Amino acid sequence: QVVLVESGGGLVQTGGSLRLSCVASGRTGSMNTMAWFRQAPGKEREFVAVINWSRTRTYYTDSVKGRFTISRDSPKATLYLQMDSLKPEDTAAYYCATRARTGSNLYTIPDDYDYWGQGTQVTVSS
């Protein structure tokens, strides 16, 4: 069992920045690829960014490329999402996720992940 806890969300104006954190605990040795997803009210959960376990590869959805940066601190088993130049359309609950299955791809579908955090709300005002 892996437990993920996100933090760092909040209310920010357009153009502002936030840094989300996701701390993992439990059987962290089983963890593999990690990712961030988000879900706005009335919409499906969508992929935001992913990083492989060796931290050599990352991938972003087009709408956040050049504005968001995903990173991971191995010793602390913590995943980060630095969000700059925020826009109102970035408003959503943000979730971190990790795989416990084998595979080294940069997965972008929610079903490819085994453990999820409870989410942290990000609201960008115009």
Protein backbone atom coordinates (compact mmCIF):
# COMPACT_ATOMS: atom_id res chain seq x y z
CA GLN A 1 0.00 0.00 0.00
CA VAL A 2 1.21 3.49 -0.91
CA VAL A 3 -0.29 6.64 0.55
CA LEU A 4 0.02 9.92 -1.36
CA VAL A 5 -0.72 13.30 0.21
CA GLU A 6 -0.81 16.47 -1.88
CA SER A 7 -0.40 20.03 -0.65
CA GLY A 8 0.34 23.48 -2.00
CA GLY A 9 -2.91 24.38 -3.68
CA GLY A 10 -4.67 27.69 -3.17
CA LEU A 11 -6.08 30.83 -4.74
CA VAL A 12 -3.82 32.79 -7.08
CA GLN A 13 -4.29 35.54 -9.65
CA THR A 14 -3.74 35.06 -13.37
CA GLY A 15 -0.03 35.00 -14.10
CA GLY A 16 0.87 33.84 -10.63
CA SER A 17 2.70 30.71 -9.49
CA LEU A 18 2.11 27.77 -7.18
CA ARG A 19 4.18 24.74 -6.25
CA LEU A 20 2.34 21.53 -5.52
CA SER A 21 3.91 18.76 -3.46
CA CYS A 22 2.97 15.09 -3.13
CA VAL A 23 4.55 13.11 -0.31
CA ALA A 24 4.55 9.33 -0.58
CA SER A 25 4.61 6.90 2.34
CA GLY A 26 4.14 3.18 2.87
CA ARG A 27 5.56 0.75 0.31
CA THR A 28 7.42 3.41 -1.62
CA GLY A 29 9.80 0.74 -2.93
CA SER A 30 6.98 -0.52 -5.17
CA MET A 31 6.50 2.86 -6.82
CA ASN A 32 7.30 3.46 -10.47
CA THR A 33 6.23 6.24 -12.82
CA MET A 34 4.56 9.24 -11.15
CA ALA A 35 2.20 11.82 -12.60
CA TRP A 36 -0.09 14.74 -11.98
CA PHE A 37 -3.70 14.84 -13.16
CA ARG A 38 -6.39 17.45 -12.68
CA GLN A 39 -10.16 17.55 -12.69
CA ALA A 40 -12.38 20.58 -13.09
CA PRO A 41 -16.05 20.53 -12.00
CA GLY A 42 -18.18 18.64 -14.50
CA LYS A 43 -15.18 17.42 -16.46
CA GLU A 44 -13.23 14.18 -16.62
CA ARG A 45 -9.89 13.77 -14.94
CA GLU A 46 -7.16 14.83 -17.36
CA PHE A 47 -3.45 14.20 -17.58
CA VAL A 48 -1.10 17.09 -16.77
CA ALA A 49 2.49 15.80 -16.47
CA VAL A 50 4.46 12.60 -15.90
CA ILE A 51 8.01 11.67 -14.86
CA ASN A 52 9.69 8.30 -15.05
CA TRP A 53 11.26 6.69 -11.98
CA SER A 54 14.84 7.46 -13.02
CA ARG A 55 13.83 11.11 -13.57
CA THR A 56 15.36 11.08 -17.04
CA ARG A 57 12.14 11.66 -18.97
CA THR A 58 9.13 13.91 -18.58
CA TYR A 59 6.05 14.62 -20.66
CA TYR A 60 3.39 17.33 -20.47
CA THR A 61 -0.02 17.94 -21.90
CA ASP A 62 0.18 20.65 -24.56
CA SER A 63 -1.74 23.25 -22.57
CA VAL A 64 0.89 23.40 -19.79
CA LYS A 65 4.11 23.00 -21.78
CA GLY A 66 6.54 25.79 -20.99
CA ARG A 67 4.58 26.80 -17.88
CA PHE A 68 4.59 23.72 -15.61
CA THR A 69 7.57 21.64 -14.45
CA ILE A 70 7.33 18.19 -12.87
CA SER A 71 10.14 16.92 -10.66
CA ARG A 72 10.77 14.31 -8.00
CA ASP A 73 12.99 14.15 -4.94
CA SER A 74 13.91 10.52 -4.48
CA PRO A 75 15.26 10.57 -0.91
CA LYS A 76 12.13 12.33 0.28
CA ALA A 77 9.78 10.30 -1.96
CA THR A 78 8.18 13.57 -2.96
CA LEU A 79 6.72 14.65 -6.29
CA TYR A 80 6.46 18.31 -7.23
CA LEU A 81 4.63 20.39 -9.81
CA GLN A 82 5.90 23.93 -10.30
CA MET A 83 3.15 25.93 -11.98
CA ASP A 84 3.99 29.33 -13.46
CA SER A 85 2.02 31.79 -15.60
CA LEU A 86 -1.21 30.33 -14.29
CA LYS A 87 -4.43 30.87 -16.22
CA PRO A 88 -8.08 30.65 -15.15
CA GLU A 89 -8.42 27.46 -17.22
CA ASP A 90 -5.87 25.81 -14.90
CA THR A 91 -8.46 25.92 -12.12
CA ALA A 92 -9.08 22.35 -10.93
CA ALA A 93 -8.41 19.81 -8.23
CA TYR A 94 -4.92 18.44 -8.80
CA TYR A 95 -4.09 14.81 -8.01
CA CYS A 96 -0.79 12.96 -7.90
CA ALA A 97 -0.62 9.32 -8.86
CA THR A 98 1.90 6.50 -8.99
CA ARG A 99 2.17 3.12 -10.61
CA ALA A 100 3.08 -0.04 -8.72
CA ARG A 101 3.16 -2.17 -11.87
CA THR A 102 6.12 -2.81 -14.15
CA GLY A 103 6.57 -0.71 -17.25
CA SER A 104 8.73 2.25 -18.19
CA ASN A 105 6.44 4.24 -20.45
CA LEU A 106 5.26 7.77 -19.71
CA TYR A 107 1.66 6.83 -18.99
CA THR A 108 -1.06 9.43 -19.47
CA ILE A 109 -4.26 7.51 -18.73
CA PRO A 110 -5.72 7.35 -15.19
CA ASP A 111 -6.25 3.58 -15.40
CA ASP A 112 -2.51 3.11 -15.77
CA TYR A 113 -1.99 4.27 -12.16
CA ASP A 114 -2.53 2.33 -8.97
CA TYR A 115 -2.43 4.86 -6.15
CA TRP A 116 -3.89 8.35 -5.91
CA GLY A 117 -3.77 11.24 -3.50
CA GLN A 118 -6.84 13.01 -2.17
CA GLY A 119 -6.26 16.11 -4.32
CA THR A 120 -5.46 19.74 -3.71
CA GLN A 121 -7.55 22.60 -5.11
CA VAL A 122 -6.01 25.22 -7.38
CA THR A 123 -8.10 28.27 -8.21
CA VAL A 124 -6.85 30.95 -10.61
CA SER A 125 -8.79 34.20 -10.61
CA SER A 126 -9.04 36.42 -13.67
